[in-house]
Amino acid sequence: METFGERLHAAVAERGPLCVGIDPHASLLARWGLSDDIAGLERFARTVVEALADRVAVLKPQSAFFERFGSRGVAILESTIRQSREAGALVLLDVKRGDIGSTMAAYASAYLDPASPLRADAITVSPYLGVGSLQPAFDQAAAHGGGVFVLALTSNPEGPAVQHAVTASGKTVAQTIIDEISQVNAGARPLGSLGLVVGATIGETGHDLSKVNGPLLAPGLGAQGATPSDLRAVFGESLRNVLPSYSREVLAAGPEIADLRAATDRVLDDCRAALG
């Protein structure tokens, strides 16, 4: 069984270092001339998959924008995940779950167990009940070749109040998270399967990412203000493991498939140049 780290490393080598979000929020549906209902959602998701699933390394559906339509929206999410994976893209499901005990185990089973209709290649999780609370997700990922991306340094203005707070050990909360994930990934080749989410807009923060040995998802590029040239300031010597993530910058080019592909090619070229 290949690990997620192995599959991601191969996908990036073949298709380039790019993750594209699938975020069907109301303003994008309207921009595409689609109705803000289940029909518009289905058309939007199907078009993005058709345009990009056979071209980019990773697609990242944002679960909330599907969940808001209830069970029919979740059914479309299931289909989006399945079709994306069948076309060769890795699917990072953006769910940001974080809980304890049997509840966290249930979340892990829902998204990482091959028997689940929502099974993705990887998920995002929140560590703010303690990194140890995420162990059920780490275990499911290890058992089934999945990946887990842990929030570490986010770009929202409220984030630093928690993430930069200094613990009794003298480290920030974020550095403690970074170090714990680094320990789990130690020795993995070519890449660990536990990643971190580090916003591309945060600039130089003084945190050390050099030992993570796992993928570093960098949202915030494009519409949120960051450019590929900002990545070096954020990630420094860890640039080789960065997975740049775009959503609106690409999705706003729709609904024509050719335009979505052209926008993707443009930002991928920019990312390749910045990452060397």
Protein backbone atom coordinates (compact mmCIF):
# COMPACT_ATOMS: atom_id res chain seq x y z
CA MET A 1 0.00 0.00 0.00
CA GLU A 2 1.37 3.40 -0.99
CA THR A 3 1.27 6.09 1.64
CA PHE A 4 -0.40 9.43 0.97
CA GLY A 5 3.02 11.07 1.10
CA GLU A 6 4.25 8.78 -1.66
CA ARG A 7 1.17 9.39 -3.81
CA LEU A 8 1.34 13.14 -3.33
CA HIS A 9 5.03 13.24 -4.18
CA ALA A 10 4.34 11.31 -7.39
CA ALA A 11 1.33 13.45 -8.33
CA VAL A 12 3.25 16.70 -7.89
CA ALA A 13 6.16 15.33 -9.93
CA GLU A 14 3.76 14.40 -12.74
CA ARG A 15 1.25 17.24 -12.66
CA GLY A 16 2.99 20.08 -10.84
CA PRO A 17 2.70 21.66 -7.38
CA LEU A 18 -0.88 22.88 -7.29
CA CYS A 19 -4.03 22.35 -5.27
CA VAL A 20 -7.28 23.85 -6.55
CA GLY A 21 -10.23 24.32 -4.25
CA ILE A 22 -13.79 23.48 -5.19
CA ASP A 23 -15.70 26.18 -3.28
CA PRO A 24 -19.22 26.57 -4.69
CA HIS A 25 -20.33 29.53 -2.61
CA ALA A 26 -23.27 31.64 -3.69
CA SER A 27 -21.26 34.47 -5.27
CA LEU A 28 -19.34 32.09 -7.53
CA LEU A 29 -22.51 30.29 -8.60
CA ALA A 30 -23.98 33.68 -9.51
CA ARG A 31 -20.83 34.67 -11.37
CA TRP A 32 -21.20 31.52 -13.46
CA GLY A 33 -24.86 32.32 -14.14
CA LEU A 34 -26.00 29.39 -12.01
CA SER A 35 -28.81 29.23 -9.49
CA ASP A 36 -27.95 28.97 -5.80
CA ASP A 37 -29.59 25.58 -5.43
CA ILE A 38 -28.84 21.90 -5.85
CA ALA A 39 -28.91 22.13 -9.67
CA GLY A 40 -26.37 24.97 -9.65
CA LEU A 41 -24.18 23.12 -7.18
CA GLU A 42 -24.19 19.96 -9.27
CA ARG A 43 -23.36 21.84 -12.48
CA PHE A 44 -20.56 23.80 -10.81
CA ALA A 45 -18.88 20.78 -9.23
CA ARG A 46 -19.21 18.64 -12.35
CA THR A 47 -17.66 21.36 -14.52
CA VAL A 48 -14.66 21.85 -12.22
CA VAL A 49 -14.03 18.10 -12.09
CA GLU A 50 -14.31 17.78 -15.87
CA ALA A 51 -11.95 20.70 -16.41
CA LEU A 52 -9.28 19.94 -13.83
CA ALA A 53 -9.38 16.46 -12.29
CA ASP A 54 -7.16 14.97 -14.98
CA ARG A 55 -4.71 17.90 -14.84
CA VAL A 56 -3.94 19.03 -11.28
CA ALA A 57 -2.27 17.11 -8.49
CA VAL A 58 -4.88 17.89 -5.82
CA LEU A 59 -8.49 19.05 -5.74
CA LYS A 60 -9.83 20.40 -2.45
CA PRO A 61 -13.61 20.44 -2.06
CA GLN A 62 -14.79 22.64 0.81
CA SER A 63 -17.34 20.44 2.54
CA ALA A 64 -19.38 23.30 4.03
CA PHE A 65 -20.45 24.61 0.63
CA PHE A 66 -21.95 21.20 -0.16
CA GLU A 67 -23.38 20.58 3.31
CA ARG A 68 -25.44 23.77 3.18
CA PHE A 69 -27.74 22.04 0.70
CA GLY A 70 -28.41 19.14 3.06
CA SER A 71 -28.36 15.47 2.09
CA ARG A 72 -28.55 16.19 -1.64
CA GLY A 73 -25.51 18.44 -1.36
CA VAL A 74 -23.59 15.75 0.50
CA ALA A 75 -24.54 13.29 -2.26
CA ILE A 76 -22.99 15.65 -4.80
CA LEU A 77 -19.90 15.90 -2.61
CA GLU A 78 -19.64 12.10 -2.62
CA SER A 79 -19.88 12.10 -6.41
CA THR A 80 -17.34 14.91 -6.72
CA ILE A 81 -14.83 13.02 -4.59
CA ARG A 82 -15.34 9.79 -6.50
CA GLN A 83 -15.12 11.34 -9.97
CA SER A 84 -12.07 13.42 -9.07
CA ARG A 85 -10.18 10.38 -7.80
CA GLU A 86 -11.21 8.30 -10.81
CA ALA A 87 -9.72 11.00 -13.07
CA GLY A 88 -6.40 10.79 -11.21
CA ALA A 89 -6.51 13.79 -8.87
CA LEU A 90 -5.85 13.36 -5.18
CA VAL A 91 -8.74 14.70 -3.12
CA LEU A 92 -8.06 16.76 0.00
CA LEU A 93 -11.42 17.19 1.70
CA ASP A 94 -11.51 20.49 3.58
CA VAL A 95 -13.58 19.65 6.67
CA LYS A 96 -11.42 21.04 9.53
CA ARG A 97 -12.77 18.52 12.02
CA GLY A 98 -11.42 18.34 15.55
CA ASP A 99 -12.90 16.46 18.49
CA ILE A 100 -12.05 13.82 21.07
CA GLY A 101 -12.40 10.08 21.56
CA SER A 102 -15.10 8.19 19.74
CA THR A 103 -16.36 11.33 17.99
CA MET A 104 -12.98 11.96 16.38
CA ALA A 105 -12.80 8.28 15.48
CA ALA A 106 -16.18 8.60 13.74
CA TYR A 107 -15.00 11.63 11.76
CA ALA A 108 -11.86 9.74 10.78
CA SER A 109 -13.90 6.76 9.63
CA ALA A 110 -16.28 8.98 7.65
CA TYR A 111 -13.51 10.57 5.60
CA LEU A 112 -10.57 8.13 5.55
CA ASP A 113 -12.07 4.62 5.66
CA PRO A 114 -12.22 3.07 2.15
CA ALA A 115 -15.69 1.73 2.99
CA SER A 116 -17.10 5.25 3.37
CA PRO A 117 -18.78 6.99 0.40
CA LEU A 118 -17.07 10.20 1.55
CA ARG A 119 -13.60 8.66 1.59
CA ALA A 120 -10.98 11.14 0.44
CA ASP A 121 -7.22 10.88 0.06
CA ALA A 122 -6.68 13.38 2.88
CA ILE A 123 -8.56 15.75 5.18
CA THR A 124 -7.94 18.97 7.08
CA VAL A 125 -8.24 18.91 10.89
CA SER A 126 -8.10 21.36 13.77
CA PRO A 127 -5.66 20.60 16.64
CA TYR A 128 -7.04 22.97 19.25
CA LEU A 129 -8.31 20.22 21.52
CA GLY A 130 -4.72 19.01 21.55
CA VAL A 131 -2.75 17.27 18.81
CA GLY A 132 -3.22 14.01 20.70
CA SER A 133 -6.98 14.24 20.19
CA LEU A 134 -6.36 13.77 16.46
CA GLN A 135 -4.78 10.34 16.92
CA PRO A 136 -7.84 8.47 15.52
CA ALA A 137 -7.42 10.38 12.26
CA PHE A 138 -3.68 9.70 12.20
CA ASP A 139 -4.39 5.99 12.80
CA GLN A 140 -7.00 5.77 10.04
CA ALA A 141 -4.67 7.56 7.65
CA ALA A 142 -1.81 5.19 8.43
CA ALA A 143 -4.04 2.13 8.07
CA HIS A 144 -5.45 3.11 4.68
CA GLY A 145 -2.78 5.23 3.00
CA GLY A 146 -4.47 8.53 3.76
CA GLY A 147 -3.22 11.95 4.73
CA VAL A 148 -4.07 14.53 7.38
CA PHE A 149 -3.37 18.27 7.18
CA VAL A 150 -3.29 19.97 10.59
CA LEU A 151 -4.02 23.68 10.99
CA ALA A 152 -0.88 25.40 12.25
CA LEU A 153 -0.48 29.01 11.11
CA THR A 154 -3.62 30.32 9.48
CA SER A 155 -4.05 33.62 7.68
CA ASN A 156 -7.22 34.84 9.40
CA PRO A 157 -6.62 37.88 11.64
CA GLU A 158 -7.91 36.06 14.74
CA GLY A 159 -5.42 33.21 14.36
CA PRO A 160 -2.28 34.70 15.94
CA ALA A 161 -3.99 35.31 19.30
CA VAL A 162 -4.06 31.54 19.77
CA GLN A 163 -1.35 30.26 17.44
CA HIS A 164 1.37 32.70 18.57
CA ALA A 165 0.56 32.37 22.27
CA VAL A 166 3.55 31.08 24.23
CA THR A 167 3.19 27.86 26.20
CA ALA A 168 4.90 26.89 29.45
CA SER A 169 7.66 25.26 27.41
CA GLY A 170 8.59 28.61 25.88
CA LYS A 171 7.34 27.58 22.43
CA THR A 172 4.33 29.06 20.69
CA VAL A 173 1.22 26.93 20.32
CA ALA A 174 1.89 26.77 16.57
CA GLN A 175 5.49 25.63 17.04
CA THR A 176 4.32 22.93 19.44
CA ILE A 177 1.93 21.65 16.76
CA ILE A 178 4.65 21.85 14.11
CA ASP A 179 7.08 19.90 16.28
CA GLU A 180 4.58 17.15 17.13
CA ILE A 181 3.77 16.58 13.46
CA SER A 182 7.49 16.62 12.64
CA GLN A 183 8.06 13.80 15.12
CA VAL A 184 5.41 11.60 13.47
CA ASN A 185 6.82 12.24 9.99
CA ALA A 186 10.45 11.64 10.98
CA GLY A 187 12.17 9.19 8.66
CA ALA A 188 9.37 8.97 6.10
CA ARG A 189 10.45 8.87 2.45
CA PRO A 190 9.96 10.63 0.14
CA LEU A 191 7.44 12.58 2.22
CA GLY A 192 5.44 12.07 5.39
CA SER A 193 1.67 11.74 5.20
CA LEU A 194 0.88 14.31 7.89
CA GLY A 195 0.89 17.86 6.62
CA LEU A 196 0.36 21.34 7.98
CA VAL A 197 -1.81 24.23 6.84
CA VAL A 198 0.24 27.43 6.76
CA GLY A 199 -1.30 30.52 5.18
CA ALA A 200 0.57 32.11 2.29
CA THR A 201 -0.33 35.59 3.57
CA ILE A 202 1.33 35.41 7.00
CA GLY A 203 4.85 36.50 6.04
CA GLU A 204 7.89 35.74 8.20
CA THR A 205 6.75 34.62 11.67
CA GLY A 206 9.90 33.07 13.07
CA HIS A 207 8.45 29.56 13.22
CA ASP A 208 10.67 26.66 12.22
CA LEU A 209 9.17 24.36 9.55
CA SER A 210 12.46 22.78 8.54
CA LYS A 211 11.85 19.38 10.19
CA VAL A 212 8.22 18.80 9.19
CA ASN A 213 9.11 16.33 6.42
CA GLY A 214 5.54 16.53 5.17
CA PRO A 215 3.41 18.59 2.81
CA LEU A 216 2.76 22.23 3.64
CA LEU A 217 -0.58 23.40 2.26
CA ALA A 218 -0.44 27.12 1.49
CA PRO A 219 -3.91 28.64 1.06
CA GLY A 220 -4.41 32.36 0.60
CA LEU A 221 -2.97 32.71 -2.89
CA GLY A 222 -4.81 34.79 -5.46
CA ALA A 223 -8.03 36.43 -4.28
CA GLN A 224 -6.87 36.48 -0.64
CA GLY A 225 -3.86 38.58 -1.57
CA ALA A 226 -0.78 36.37 -1.56
CA THR A 227 1.33 35.69 -4.64
CA PRO A 228 3.75 32.83 -5.33
CA SER A 229 6.64 35.20 -4.69
CA ASP A 230 5.45 35.49 -1.07
CA LEU A 231 6.03 31.79 -0.42
CA ARG A 232 9.76 32.07 0.19
CA ALA A 233 9.26 34.54 3.03
CA VAL A 234 6.78 32.21 4.72
CA PHE A 235 8.45 28.84 4.13
CA GLY A 236 12.16 29.58 3.66
CA GLU A 237 14.17 26.38 3.28
CA SER A 238 11.00 24.26 3.43
CA LEU A 239 9.83 25.57 0.05
CA ARG A 240 10.32 22.19 -1.62
CA ASN A 241 7.40 20.71 0.36
CA VAL A 242 4.92 23.52 -0.27
CA LEU A 243 1.63 22.77 -1.99
CA PRO A 244 0.19 26.11 -3.16
CA SER A 245 -3.60 26.29 -3.04
CA TYR A 246 -5.85 28.47 -5.18
CA SER A 247 -9.62 28.70 -5.24
CA ARG A 248 -11.36 31.88 -6.42
CA GLU A 249 -8.47 32.98 -8.64
CA VAL A 250 -9.07 29.86 -10.76
CA LEU A 251 -12.78 29.28 -10.23
CA ALA A 252 -13.73 32.84 -11.19
CA ALA A 253 -12.48 32.08 -14.72
CA GLY A 254 -15.41 29.67 -15.27
CA PRO A 255 -17.81 28.42 -16.37
CA GLU A 256 -16.06 27.57 -19.65
CA ILE A 257 -13.78 24.55 -19.30
CA ALA A 258 -11.11 26.06 -21.55
CA ASP A 259 -10.99 29.19 -19.39
CA LEU A 260 -10.70 27.18 -16.17
CA ARG A 261 -7.83 25.22 -17.67
CA ALA A 262 -6.09 28.37 -18.90
CA ALA A 263 -6.34 29.97 -15.45
CA THR A 264 -4.97 26.80 -13.87
CA ASP A 265 -2.06 26.64 -16.30
CA ARG A 266 -1.21 30.27 -15.56
CA VAL A 267 -1.09 29.93 -11.77
CA LEU A 268 0.74 26.60 -12.05
CA ASP A 269 3.45 28.25 -14.14
CA ASP A 270 3.73 30.99 -11.50
CA CYS A 271 4.03 28.42 -8.72
CA ARG A 272 6.64 26.38 -10.56
CA ALA A 273 8.73 29.51 -11.08
CA ALA A 274 8.45 30.53 -7.43
CA LEU A 275 9.19 27.08 -6.03
CA GLY A 276 12.09 26.44 -8.37
